[in-house]
Amino acid sequence: MKTVSLIGNNFKITFPYDPATVAQVRCLPQGRRWDPVTHAWWCPPSVNALTQLREYGFEVDQSAQRWEQEFYKPAKPNTVAAVTNIPGLKGKLYPFQAEGVGFIESRGGRALLGDEMGLGKTIQALAWLQNNPNALPAVVVCPASLKGMWETECKKWTMFTPVLLHGMVPFLLHSASQKNIIYIINYDILSGWLPALALCKTVILDEVHYCKSAKTKRTKAVKRFCKNKSHVIALSGTPIVNRPSEFFIALNILAPATFPKWWDFAQRYCDAKHNGFGWDTSGASNVEELHTRAETVMLRRLKADVLKDLPEKQRSVVPLSLNGKQAVYDAVLAHVLGAWRNEEEKPDPLRDITQISHLRQAVMDAKFDACVEWINCFVETGKKLVIFDIFHKTTDRLMERYNKIAVALDGRVDSRLRSKVIDKFQNDPSVQILIGNIQVAGIGFTLTAASDVVFLELPWTPAEVDQSSDRVHRIGQRNAVTIYFLIAPNTMEEDILTLLDEKRKVLNAVLDGKITGEEMSIYPELLRRLKNKRK
């Protein structure tokens, strides 16, 4: 008989000698050993070990079952010790973030962090890694557009080296002895990299609801990859009780004993109904029970829950991965620089403005798909969002995609109808997005139905950024406001963002506040920087 029991602080594994079973036990997580005195195998207790042993046909006795039940008891945030003073961490965590790291720690590095968007799930996952360097090398699996953001945050917060992986054909990775590496890969290419990443110890699944269907290639790859990993941290800002079916895969990976079978889960929590053509599992049922059971591995906080820890405004720069679209921008830049090389010495301001406009639109063309992917992730949260842009073309492209859940406000909307557009966004639950031109929607209106703002295109002055974001941060706003800047790296947007930040510092240093908008415009300096590149 093959059995697993808990003796002291370890699992005792006994079975009649069989070479095939010995080979299986040797595949258990690190720490398993043969003891010739007790004639048994031993290993540290872990959910992974129990899951594998069950698959190998072992019977789990009551002592091991009690350990498992204790492990899966809900761990409330107020009973979890916050992790502070993390060696090597380059920044200071908010108190609720330190509690989030403590929650992951209490779950043995196997947890679903479901904090509302803007609360720093990325930072908490990286902080846990910094506090557990033996859990490296690690792999971050995320949407393609977020790879650049993960690279930036790794450098900003940790002592580790981020390595971006591209393409379906793996290239030679660092040796296994180099443990201070965090590999960053997108879901769509993970399947081709599984053998190359086999020795990694920790997996972080960002926007884990991407693995909503068990039939897709990406989900199958994720399940195979996580199967024998000691630590899996899943991240998603989407409320689990809204769409339970999209979270079964994550819950099954993290807590297979609690959520073992899809059909049982679907019947109990997805309001499964036969519609004449097949089973519809898009609903939700017994949501309070699901939430209680999910708390065994999941921690979710809303902005409203942690307001005391948050500043009134948070700014977040999101570097987007252009996924091969860099050439779109580079071609336009080369054309513009060529035109400037050939220009006469006499300045031509109108031509300069035209060339800059071409460059700005080229940036948007290059990053548009990545912006859409980011917006789609946000829409999954169910919250309202204000999008600021500059060009009509950008507004039109966005409205083509989001016309069922969005309204637009730019100079083409009759001034007599603009208040109706605002009212619809503020009061209609089906309208989740307002797409606003900075010059029009960024002045005078109240948009407090949202607490999140994203700039797809940047203005020329910091005052315009503040004025636009203040449409959301007004009297009546009960949440902290998060302002996102979706930036295309290695383009003129990096210059614009840098210059805006420099101008903001100057503005803050001027005590009398008597600086005109013209003096604070970054346009002249941007033009000078760009023209210097022609040399």
Protein backbone atom coordinates (compact mmCIF):
# COMPACT_ATOMS: atom_id res chain seq x y z
CA MET A 1 0.00 0.00 0.00
CA LYS A 2 1.32 3.47 -0.94
CA THR A 3 0.72 6.03 1.84
CA VAL A 4 1.65 9.57 2.85
CA SER A 5 1.58 10.66 6.50
CA LEU A 6 2.80 13.66 8.47
CA ILE A 7 5.41 12.78 11.05
CA GLY A 8 6.81 15.76 12.91
CA ASN A 9 7.52 18.44 10.33
CA ASN A 10 7.85 16.18 7.28
CA PHE A 11 5.82 13.88 5.05
CA LYS A 12 6.69 10.22 5.38
CA ILE A 13 6.21 8.33 2.10
CA THR A 14 5.99 4.55 2.22
CA PHE A 15 5.35 1.97 -0.52
CA PRO A 16 6.42 -1.52 -1.57
CA TYR A 17 9.61 -1.33 -3.59
CA ASP A 18 8.95 -0.61 -7.24
CA PRO A 19 11.45 1.10 -9.59
CA ALA A 20 8.71 3.09 -11.35
CA THR A 21 7.38 4.48 -8.04
CA VAL A 22 10.91 5.33 -6.91
CA ALA A 23 11.38 7.33 -10.11
CA GLN A 24 8.11 9.17 -9.43
CA VAL A 25 9.08 10.04 -5.86
CA ARG A 26 12.42 11.35 -7.10
CA CYS A 27 10.41 13.91 -9.11
CA LEU A 28 8.98 15.48 -5.96
CA PRO A 29 9.99 19.08 -5.05
CA GLN A 30 13.45 19.63 -3.61
CA GLY A 31 14.13 18.19 -0.16
CA ARG A 32 12.92 14.60 -0.69
CA ARG A 33 15.34 11.98 0.65
CA TRP A 34 15.56 8.26 1.34
CA ASP A 35 16.12 7.24 4.96
CA PRO A 36 17.61 3.72 5.29
CA VAL A 37 16.79 3.62 9.01
CA THR A 38 13.02 4.05 8.63
CA HIS A 39 12.99 2.47 5.16
CA ALA A 40 10.92 5.37 3.90
CA TRP A 41 11.15 8.49 1.77
CA TRP A 42 10.74 11.86 3.45
CA CYS A 43 10.05 15.35 2.11
CA PRO A 44 9.06 18.79 3.47
CA PRO A 45 5.25 19.26 3.51
CA SER A 46 3.90 21.13 0.52
CA VAL A 47 0.73 21.28 -1.54
CA ASN A 48 2.77 20.43 -4.62
CA ALA A 49 4.08 17.23 -3.06
CA LEU A 50 0.59 16.07 -2.01
CA THR A 51 -0.83 16.84 -5.45
CA GLN A 52 1.88 14.81 -7.18
CA LEU A 53 1.63 11.91 -4.75
CA ARG A 54 -2.15 11.72 -5.25
CA GLU A 55 -1.55 11.56 -9.00
CA TYR A 56 0.89 8.69 -8.40
CA GLY A 57 -1.84 6.75 -6.55
CA PHE A 58 -0.76 7.37 -2.96
CA GLU A 59 -3.32 7.40 -0.16
CA VAL A 60 -3.11 10.49 2.05
CA ASP A 61 -3.73 9.59 5.68
CA GLN A 62 -5.54 11.73 8.25
CA SER A 63 -2.41 13.43 9.60
CA ALA A 64 -1.45 14.72 6.14
CA GLN A 65 -5.07 15.66 5.43
CA ARG A 66 -5.20 17.72 8.63
CA TRP A 67 -2.04 19.54 7.57
CA GLU A 68 -3.64 20.25 4.19
CA GLN A 69 -6.87 21.51 5.76
CA GLU A 70 -4.91 23.78 8.09
CA PHE A 71 -2.91 25.13 5.17
CA TYR A 72 -6.08 25.98 3.26
CA LYS A 73 -7.80 27.79 6.11
CA PRO A 74 -8.60 31.38 5.09
CA ALA A 75 -5.84 33.74 6.15
CA LYS A 76 -7.38 37.13 6.86
CA PRO A 77 -5.16 40.19 6.30
CA ASN A 78 -5.47 41.25 9.95
CA THR A 79 -4.07 37.90 11.08
CA VAL A 80 -1.14 37.95 8.65
CA ALA A 81 2.14 39.50 9.72
CA ALA A 82 3.20 42.32 7.40
CA VAL A 83 6.64 41.86 5.86
CA THR A 84 8.71 45.03 6.27
CA ASN A 85 12.40 45.87 6.00
CA ILE A 86 13.01 43.55 3.07
CA PRO A 87 16.78 43.34 2.41
CA GLY A 88 17.67 44.78 -0.99
CA LEU A 89 14.23 46.21 -1.79
CA LYS A 90 14.79 49.59 -3.42
CA GLY A 91 11.63 51.32 -2.26
CA LYS A 92 9.25 51.55 0.67
CA LEU A 93 5.99 49.61 0.62
CA TYR A 94 2.69 51.04 1.74
CA PRO A 95 1.39 49.25 4.87
CA PHE A 96 -1.25 47.32 2.89
CA GLN A 97 1.43 46.24 0.40
CA ALA A 98 3.58 44.91 3.24
CA GLU A 99 0.52 42.96 4.39
CA GLY A 100 0.12 41.62 0.85
CA VAL A 101 3.71 40.34 0.89
CA GLY A 102 2.96 38.77 4.27
CA PHE A 103 -0.11 37.04 2.83
CA ILE A 104 1.92 35.51 0.00
CA GLU A 105 4.48 34.44 2.60
CA SER A 106 1.78 32.84 4.76
CA ARG A 107 0.58 30.82 1.78
CA GLY A 108 4.05 29.44 1.08
CA GLY A 109 4.46 31.50 -2.09
CA ARG A 110 1.26 30.13 -3.65
CA ALA A 111 -1.36 32.87 -3.73
CA LEU A 112 -3.77 34.88 -5.85
CA LEU A 113 -3.36 38.61 -5.32
CA GLY A 114 -6.61 40.20 -6.46
CA ASP A 115 -6.12 43.83 -5.41
CA GLU A 116 -7.96 46.48 -7.36
CA MET A 117 -5.97 47.95 -10.24
CA GLY A 118 -3.59 50.68 -9.10
CA LEU A 119 -2.69 49.18 -5.71
CA GLY A 120 0.64 47.71 -6.77
CA LYS A 121 0.19 43.97 -7.28
CA THR A 122 3.37 43.95 -9.37
CA ILE A 123 5.36 45.57 -6.56
CA GLN A 124 4.05 43.13 -3.95
CA ALA A 125 4.98 40.10 -6.06
CA LEU A 126 8.47 41.49 -6.69
CA ALA A 127 8.89 42.34 -3.00
CA TRP A 128 8.08 38.73 -2.10
CA LEU A 129 10.77 37.57 -4.53
CA GLN A 130 13.26 40.04 -3.05
CA ASN A 131 12.44 38.62 0.39
CA ASN A 132 12.88 35.05 -0.91
CA PRO A 133 15.98 35.06 -3.14
CA ASN A 134 16.14 31.26 -2.94
CA ALA A 135 12.92 31.20 -4.97
CA LEU A 136 14.83 32.37 -8.05
CA PRO A 137 15.23 32.09 -10.95
CA ALA A 138 11.63 33.18 -11.54
CA VAL A 139 9.42 33.61 -14.58
CA VAL A 140 6.82 36.35 -15.08
CA VAL A 141 4.14 35.38 -17.60
CA CYS A 142 2.11 38.38 -18.73
CA PRO A 143 0.32 39.96 -21.72
CA ALA A 144 2.83 41.03 -24.38
CA SER A 145 2.12 44.73 -23.89
CA LEU A 146 3.13 44.57 -20.20
CA LYS A 147 6.59 43.02 -20.61
CA GLY A 148 8.26 46.42 -20.69
CA MET A 149 6.45 47.48 -17.53
CA TRP A 150 7.66 44.37 -15.69
CA GLU A 151 11.23 45.00 -16.84
CA THR A 152 11.07 48.58 -15.57
CA GLU A 153 9.55 47.60 -12.20
CA CYS A 154 12.12 44.81 -11.70
CA LYS A 155 14.94 47.31 -12.13
CA LYS A 156 13.21 49.91 -9.97
CA TRP A 157 12.35 47.68 -7.00
CA THR A 158 14.68 44.67 -6.89
CA MET A 159 18.34 43.70 -7.08
CA PHE A 160 17.58 41.10 -9.74
CA THR A 161 18.22 41.10 -13.48
CA PRO A 162 15.14 41.09 -15.75
CA VAL A 163 15.51 39.21 -19.06
CA LEU A 164 12.86 39.63 -21.76
CA LEU A 165 12.11 36.56 -23.88
CA HIS A 166 10.90 36.90 -27.47
CA GLY A 167 9.87 34.54 -30.27
CA MET A 168 8.70 30.95 -30.32
CA VAL A 169 12.19 29.50 -30.78
CA PRO A 170 14.11 29.59 -27.49
CA PHE A 171 17.59 31.07 -27.41
CA LEU A 172 20.33 30.11 -24.97
CA LEU A 173 19.50 31.26 -21.44
CA HIS A 174 21.79 31.94 -18.54
CA SER A 175 23.17 28.95 -16.65
CA ALA A 176 21.11 27.52 -13.78
CA SER A 177 23.79 28.75 -11.35
CA GLN A 178 22.78 32.36 -12.06
CA LYS A 179 19.86 32.60 -9.69
CA ASN A 180 19.30 36.35 -9.60
CA ILE A 181 17.33 36.40 -12.85
CA ILE A 182 13.65 37.12 -13.53
CA TYR A 183 12.59 35.99 -17.00
CA ILE A 184 9.68 37.88 -18.56
CA ILE A 185 7.62 36.17 -21.24
CA ASN A 186 4.18 36.66 -22.78
CA TYR A 187 1.45 34.02 -22.63
CA ASP A 188 1.32 33.48 -26.38
CA ILE A 189 4.88 32.15 -26.70
CA LEU A 190 5.21 30.30 -23.36
CA SER A 191 4.55 26.84 -24.87
CA GLY A 192 7.74 26.97 -26.95
CA TRP A 193 9.87 27.90 -23.94
CA LEU A 194 8.75 25.27 -21.40
CA PRO A 195 11.86 23.04 -21.63
CA ALA A 196 14.22 26.04 -21.49
CA LEU A 197 12.54 27.38 -18.33
CA ALA A 198 12.11 24.06 -16.55
CA LEU A 199 14.62 24.85 -13.78
CA CYS A 200 12.89 28.06 -12.71
CA LYS A 201 11.39 27.80 -9.24
CA THR A 202 8.73 30.53 -9.17
CA VAL A 203 6.03 31.55 -11.65
CA ILE A 204 4.18 34.87 -11.53
CA LEU A 205 1.02 34.87 -13.67
CA ASP A 206 0.02 38.47 -14.36
CA GLU A 207 -3.56 39.08 -15.53
CA VAL A 208 -4.20 35.41 -14.80
CA HIS A 209 -7.77 35.65 -16.15
CA TYR A 210 -6.09 35.39 -19.57
CA CYS A 211 -6.14 31.66 -18.79
CA LYS A 212 -9.92 31.51 -18.68
CA SER A 213 -10.43 28.58 -21.06
CA ALA A 214 -8.87 25.17 -20.46
CA LYS A 215 -8.94 24.48 -24.20
CA THR A 216 -6.59 27.25 -25.31
CA LYS A 217 -2.93 26.67 -26.06
CA ARG A 218 -1.83 29.35 -23.58
CA THR A 219 -3.80 27.78 -20.70
CA LYS A 220 -2.49 24.29 -21.42
CA ALA A 221 1.05 25.67 -21.44
CA VAL A 222 0.50 27.51 -18.14
CA LYS A 223 -0.90 24.40 -16.44
CA ARG A 224 2.02 22.26 -17.61
CA PHE A 225 4.52 24.90 -16.57
CA CYS A 226 3.09 25.38 -13.07
CA LYS A 227 2.51 21.72 -12.33
CA ASN A 228 5.76 21.07 -10.46
CA LYS A 229 6.64 24.60 -9.43
CA SER A 230 7.08 25.27 -5.71
CA HIS A 231 5.79 28.84 -5.91
CA VAL A 232 3.02 30.29 -8.09
CA ILE A 233 1.77 33.85 -7.61
CA ALA A 234 -1.27 34.82 -9.67
CA LEU A 235 -2.30 38.45 -10.16
CA SER A 236 -5.62 39.88 -11.35
CA GLY A 237 -7.66 42.96 -10.58
CA THR A 238 -10.86 41.39 -11.92
CA PRO A 239 -13.38 40.53 -9.15
CA ILE A 240 -13.57 36.75 -8.92
CA VAL A 241 -17.22 36.66 -7.87
CA ASN A 242 -18.27 38.45 -11.07
CA ARG A 243 -16.91 35.77 -13.41
CA PRO A 244 -16.05 32.63 -11.45
CA SER A 245 -15.47 30.53 -14.58
CA GLU A 246 -12.47 32.67 -15.54
CA PHE A 247 -10.68 31.87 -12.29
CA PHE A 248 -11.06 28.10 -12.01
CA ILE A 249 -7.74 27.47 -13.74
CA ALA A 250 -5.86 29.75 -11.31
CA LEU A 251 -7.63 28.35 -8.25
CA ASN A 252 -7.03 24.79 -9.42
CA ILE A 253 -3.31 25.48 -9.91
CA LEU A 254 -2.97 27.13 -6.50
CA ALA A 255 -5.31 24.94 -4.45
CA PRO A 256 -6.03 21.66 -6.27
CA ALA A 257 -7.36 19.99 -3.14
CA THR A 258 -9.93 22.77 -2.59
CA PHE A 259 -10.85 23.24 -6.27
CA PRO A 260 -10.12 19.84 -7.87
CA LYS A 261 -12.70 19.44 -10.66
CA TRP A 262 -14.04 21.92 -13.22
CA TRP A 263 -17.53 20.44 -13.52
CA ASP A 264 -18.14 20.45 -9.77
CA PHE A 265 -16.93 24.07 -9.68
CA ALA A 266 -19.12 25.07 -12.63
CA GLN A 267 -22.27 23.58 -11.15
CA ARG A 268 -21.70 25.11 -7.73
CA TYR A 269 -20.35 28.55 -8.59
CA CYS A 270 -20.97 29.30 -12.29
CA ASP A 271 -24.75 28.85 -12.35
CA ALA A 272 -24.32 26.18 -15.04
CA LYS A 273 -27.36 25.93 -17.32
CA HIS A 274 -28.05 23.98 -20.48
CA ASN A 275 -29.27 26.37 -23.17
CA GLY A 276 -30.25 23.78 -25.75
CA PHE A 277 -26.91 23.91 -27.52
CA GLY A 278 -24.56 23.27 -24.63
CA TRP A 279 -23.72 24.30 -21.09
CA ASP A 280 -23.55 28.00 -20.27
CA THR A 281 -21.14 28.62 -17.37
CA SER A 282 -20.82 32.39 -17.70
CA GLY A 283 -22.99 33.12 -14.65
CA ALA A 284 -22.32 33.21 -10.92
CA SER A 285 -23.93 31.38 -8.00
CA ASN A 286 -23.18 30.81 -4.30
CA VAL A 287 -20.82 33.76 -4.52
CA GLU A 288 -20.42 34.29 -0.77
CA GLU A 289 -19.39 30.68 -0.30
CA LEU A 290 -16.96 30.94 -3.24
CA HIS A 291 -15.42 34.09 -1.80
CA THR A 292 -14.92 32.41 1.57
CA ARG A 293 -13.32 29.34 0.00
CA ALA A 294 -11.18 31.44 -2.35
CA GLU A 295 -9.79 33.34 0.65
CA THR A 296 -7.70 30.26 1.37
CA VAL A 297 -5.39 31.45 -1.40
CA MET A 298 -6.71 34.89 -2.43
CA LEU A 299 -6.30 38.38 -1.03
CA ARG A 300 -8.27 41.27 -2.52
CA ARG A 301 -8.33 44.90 -1.38
CA LEU A 302 -10.14 47.85 -2.96
CA LYS A 303 -8.89 51.42 -3.06
CA ALA A 304 -11.64 52.30 -0.61
CA ASP A 305 -10.22 49.73 1.85
CA VAL A 306 -6.74 51.30 1.95
CA LEU A 307 -7.43 55.01 1.45
CA LYS A 308 -5.60 55.89 4.68
CA ASP A 309 -2.38 54.50 3.16
CA LEU A 310 -2.69 56.10 -0.29
CA PRO A 311 -1.79 59.57 -1.52
CA GLU A 312 -4.66 61.49 -3.13
CA LYS A 313 -3.02 61.05 -6.53
CA GLN A 314 -0.72 58.34 -7.80
CA ARG A 315 1.12 58.55 -11.11
CA SER A 316 2.16 55.37 -12.88
CA VAL A 317 4.28 55.23 -16.04
CA VAL A 318 3.56 52.07 -18.06
CA PRO A 319 6.23 51.32 -20.69
CA LEU A 320 4.54 49.38 -23.47
CA SER A 321 6.13 46.59 -25.50
CA LEU A 322 5.71 47.48 -29.18
CA ASN A 323 6.07 43.85 -30.36
CA GLY A 324 7.80 44.55 -33.64
CA LYS A 325 6.03 47.88 -34.28
CA GLN A 326 9.13 49.92 -33.44
CA ALA A 327 9.96 49.99 -37.15
CA VAL A 328 6.72 51.92 -37.82
CA TYR A 329 7.98 54.82 -35.74
CA ASP A 330 11.64 54.52 -36.78
CA ALA A 331 10.70 54.88 -40.47
CA VAL A 332 8.79 58.11 -39.86
CA LEU A 333 11.59 59.46 -37.63
CA ALA A 334 14.15 58.76 -40.36
CA HIS A 335 11.98 60.60 -42.89
CA VAL A 336 11.53 63.61 -40.58
CA LEU A 337 15.23 63.81 -39.73
CA GLY A 338 16.05 63.59 -43.44
CA ALA A 339 13.70 66.48 -44.16
CA TRP A 340 15.31 68.58 -41.43
CA ARG A 341 18.81 67.83 -42.78
CA ASN A 342 17.77 69.19 -46.16
CA GLU A 343 15.97 72.30 -44.90
CA GLU A 344 17.31 75.77 -45.47
CA GLU A 345 18.85 77.71 -42.61
CA LYS A 346 15.75 79.90 -42.37
CA PRO A 347 13.39 78.49 -39.72
CA ASP A 348 10.01 77.20 -40.85
CA PRO A 349 7.81 76.88 -37.71
CA LEU A 350 4.80 75.57 -39.64
CA ARG A 351 6.81 72.77 -41.18
CA ASP A 352 8.31 71.91 -37.79
CA ILE A 353 4.86 71.60 -36.22
CA THR A 354 3.75 69.38 -39.11
CA GLN A 355 6.77 67.08 -38.73
CA ILE A 356 6.28 66.80 -34.97
CA SER A 357 2.61 65.97 -35.55
CA HIS A 358 3.63 63.19 -37.96
CA LEU A 359 5.96 61.78 -35.33
CA ARG A 360 3.31 61.87 -32.61
CA GLN A 361 0.83 60.01 -34.80
CA ALA A 362 3.52 57.48 -35.73
CA VAL A 363 4.05 56.77 -32.03
CA MET A 364 0.32 56.16 -31.62
CA ASP A 365 0.23 53.86 -34.65
CA ALA A 366 3.13 51.85 -33.23
CA LYS A 367 1.66 51.45 -29.74
CA PHE A 368 -2.08 51.35 -30.49
CA ASP A 369 -2.45 47.56 -30.20
CA ALA A 370 -0.53 47.57 -26.91
CA CYS A 371 -2.78 50.37 -25.61
CA VAL A 372 -5.86 48.34 -26.53
CA GLU A 373 -4.48 45.32 -24.68
CA TRP A 374 -3.93 47.46 -21.57
CA ILE A 375 -7.43 48.97 -21.83
CA ASN A 376 -8.94 45.49 -22.24
CA CYS A 377 -7.23 44.39 -19.02
CA PHE A 378 -8.67 47.42 -17.25
CA VAL A 379 -12.17 46.86 -18.64
CA GLU A 380 -12.12 43.37 -17.08
CA THR A 381 -12.09 45.03 -13.63
CA GLY A 382 -15.56 46.49 -14.22
CA LYS A 383 -14.45 49.98 -13.17
CA LYS A 384 -14.89 53.23 -15.09
CA LEU A 385 -11.96 54.79 -16.94
CA VAL A 386 -11.21 58.21 -18.43
CA ILE A 387 -8.95 58.09 -21.48
CA PHE A 388 -7.27 61.29 -22.64
CA ASP A 389 -5.86 61.69 -26.14
CA ILE A 390 -5.07 64.46 -28.63
CA PHE A 391 -5.84 63.34 -32.18
CA HIS A 392 -9.29 62.66 -33.64
CA LYS A 393 -7.87 59.58 -35.34
CA THR A 394 -7.07 58.04 -31.95
CA THR A 395 -10.56 58.81 -30.63
CA ASP A 396 -12.19 57.30 -33.71
CA ARG A 397 -10.11 54.11 -33.56
CA LEU A 398 -10.96 53.65 -29.89
CA MET A 399 -14.67 54.27 -30.45
CA GLU A 400 -14.69 51.63 -33.19
CA ARG A 401 -13.55 49.10 -30.59
CA TYR A 402 -15.44 50.28 -27.52
CA ASN A 403 -18.60 51.89 -28.92
CA LYS A 404 -20.86 49.65 -26.82
CA ILE A 405 -19.33 50.77 -23.52
CA ALA A 406 -17.81 54.18 -24.33
CA VAL A 407 -18.68 57.80 -25.05
CA ALA A 408 -16.43 60.36 -26.72
CA LEU A 409 -15.95 64.04 -26.03
CA ASP A 410 -13.86 66.18 -28.37
CA GLY A 411 -14.21 69.38 -30.39
CA ARG A 412 -16.58 67.72 -32.84
CA VAL A 413 -19.28 67.33 -30.16
CA ASP A 414 -21.69 70.28 -30.15
CA SER A 415 -21.12 72.37 -27.02
CA ARG A 416 -24.84 72.12 -26.23
CA LEU A 417 -24.61 68.31 -26.11
CA ARG A 418 -21.42 67.93 -24.09
CA SER A 419 -23.17 67.94 -20.71
CA LYS A 420 -25.30 65.01 -21.90
CA VAL A 421 -22.15 63.03 -22.76
CA ILE A 422 -20.76 63.72 -19.28
CA ASP A 423 -24.05 62.79 -17.62
CA LYS A 424 -24.13 59.49 -19.49
CA PHE A 425 -20.63 58.62 -18.31
CA GLN A 426 -21.33 59.71 -14.75
CA ASN A 427 -24.66 57.95 -14.30
CA ASP A 428 -25.09 55.14 -16.84
CA PRO A 429 -23.63 51.85 -15.48
CA SER A 430 -23.29 50.47 -19.01
CA VAL A 431 -20.90 53.30 -20.01
CA GLN A 432 -17.52 52.29 -18.67
CA ILE A 433 -15.19 54.52 -20.71
CA LEU A 434 -14.99 58.21 -21.57
CA ILE A 435 -12.59 59.00 -24.42
CA GLY A 436 -11.78 62.68 -24.11
CA ASN A 437 -9.68 65.15 -26.03
CA ILE A 438 -7.33 66.90 -23.59
CA GLN A 439 -8.27 70.36 -24.85
CA VAL A 440 -12.03 69.74 -24.50
CA ALA A 441 -12.72 67.09 -21.86
CA GLY A 442 -9.78 68.25 -19.76
CA ILE A 443 -11.38 71.56 -18.83
CA GLY A 444 -14.33 72.34 -16.59
CA PHE A 445 -16.11 68.99 -16.41
CA THR A 446 -16.60 66.66 -13.44
CA LEU A 447 -15.79 63.00 -14.09
CA THR A 448 -15.79 61.60 -10.55
CA ALA A 449 -17.58 58.39 -11.57
CA ALA A 450 -14.05 57.20 -12.33
CA SER A 451 -10.97 57.20 -10.13
CA ASP A 452 -8.60 56.11 -12.90
CA VAL A 453 -7.22 58.22 -15.75
CA VAL A 454 -4.97 57.13 -18.60
CA PHE A 455 -3.07 59.37 -21.01
CA LEU A 456 -2.52 57.72 -24.38
CA GLU A 457 -1.02 60.91 -25.82
CA LEU A 458 0.77 63.67 -23.92
CA PRO A 459 0.20 67.45 -23.96
CA TRP A 460 2.87 70.15 -24.07
CA THR A 461 2.59 71.42 -20.49
CA PRO A 462 2.37 69.83 -17.03
CA ALA A 463 -0.55 72.16 -16.30
CA GLU A 464 -2.61 70.40 -18.97
CA VAL A 465 -1.84 67.03 -17.39
CA ASP A 466 -2.91 68.28 -13.96
CA GLN A 467 -5.97 70.08 -15.27
CA SER A 468 -7.15 66.99 -17.15
CA SER A 469 -6.58 64.54 -14.29
CA ASP A 470 -8.31 66.95 -11.91
CA ARG A 471 -11.57 66.26 -13.77
CA VAL A 472 -11.59 63.02 -11.77
CA HIS A 473 -9.98 64.37 -8.60
CA ARG A 474 -12.73 66.80 -7.57
CA ILE A 475 -15.12 67.33 -4.67
CA GLY A 476 -17.25 64.21 -4.45
CA GLN A 477 -14.42 61.83 -5.31
CA ARG A 478 -14.26 59.16 -2.61
CA ASN A 479 -11.29 57.24 -3.97
CA ALA A 480 -7.62 58.00 -4.48
CA VAL A 481 -6.96 58.80 -8.13
CA THR A 482 -4.52 56.78 -10.22
CA ILE A 483 -3.08 58.44 -13.34
CA TYR A 484 -1.48 56.14 -15.92
CA PHE A 485 0.84 57.19 -18.75
CA LEU A 486 1.13 54.57 -21.50
CA ILE A 487 4.54 55.26 -23.01
CA ALA A 488 6.27 53.80 -26.08
CA PRO A 489 9.95 53.29 -25.15
CA ASN A 490 12.67 54.44 -27.57
CA THR A 491 10.41 57.05 -29.11
CA MET A 492 9.96 60.77 -28.72
CA GLU A 493 7.40 60.05 -25.95
CA GLU A 494 10.27 59.36 -23.57
CA ASP A 495 11.58 62.86 -24.28
CA ILE A 496 8.12 64.38 -23.80
CA LEU A 497 7.62 62.63 -20.45
CA THR A 498 11.09 63.63 -19.23
CA LEU A 499 10.55 67.25 -20.22
CA LEU A 500 7.11 67.36 -18.59
CA ASP A 501 8.64 66.09 -15.36
CA GLU A 502 11.44 68.66 -15.52
CA LYS A 503 8.96 71.48 -16.15
CA ARG A 504 6.81 70.26 -13.26
CA LYS A 505 9.79 70.53 -10.88
CA VAL A 506 10.47 74.06 -12.07
CA LEU A 507 6.82 74.96 -11.61
CA ASN A 508 6.76 73.56 -8.09
CA ALA A 509 9.85 75.60 -7.23
CA VAL A 510 8.29 78.89 -8.25
CA LEU A 511 6.52 80.24 -5.20
CA ASP A 512 4.64 83.11 -6.83
CA GLY A 513 3.03 80.88 -9.45
CA LYS A 514 3.32 83.57 -12.15
CA ILE A 515 4.56 81.43 -15.01
CA THR A 516 2.64 81.60 -18.25
CA GLY A 517 1.59 78.54 -20.21
CA GLU A 518 3.93 79.56 -23.04
CA GLU A 519 6.95 79.60 -20.73
CA MET A 520 6.08 76.15 -19.42
CA SER A 521 5.59 74.54 -22.85
CA ILE A 522 8.05 71.73 -23.59
CA TYR A 523 7.65 72.10 -27.34
CA PRO A 524 10.73 74.31 -28.02
CA GLU A 525 13.05 72.01 -26.04
CA LEU A 526 11.58 68.89 -27.67
CA LEU A 527 12.12 70.38 -31.12
CA ARG A 528 15.72 71.20 -30.24
CA ARG A 529 16.36 67.63 -29.00
CA LEU A 530 14.88 66.06 -32.08
CA LYS A 531 16.78 68.28 -34.49
CA ASN A 532 20.03 67.43 -32.70
CA LYS A 533 19.48 63.79 -33.72
CA ARG A 534 19.91 64.68 -37.39
CA LYS A 535 23.61 65.33 -36.90
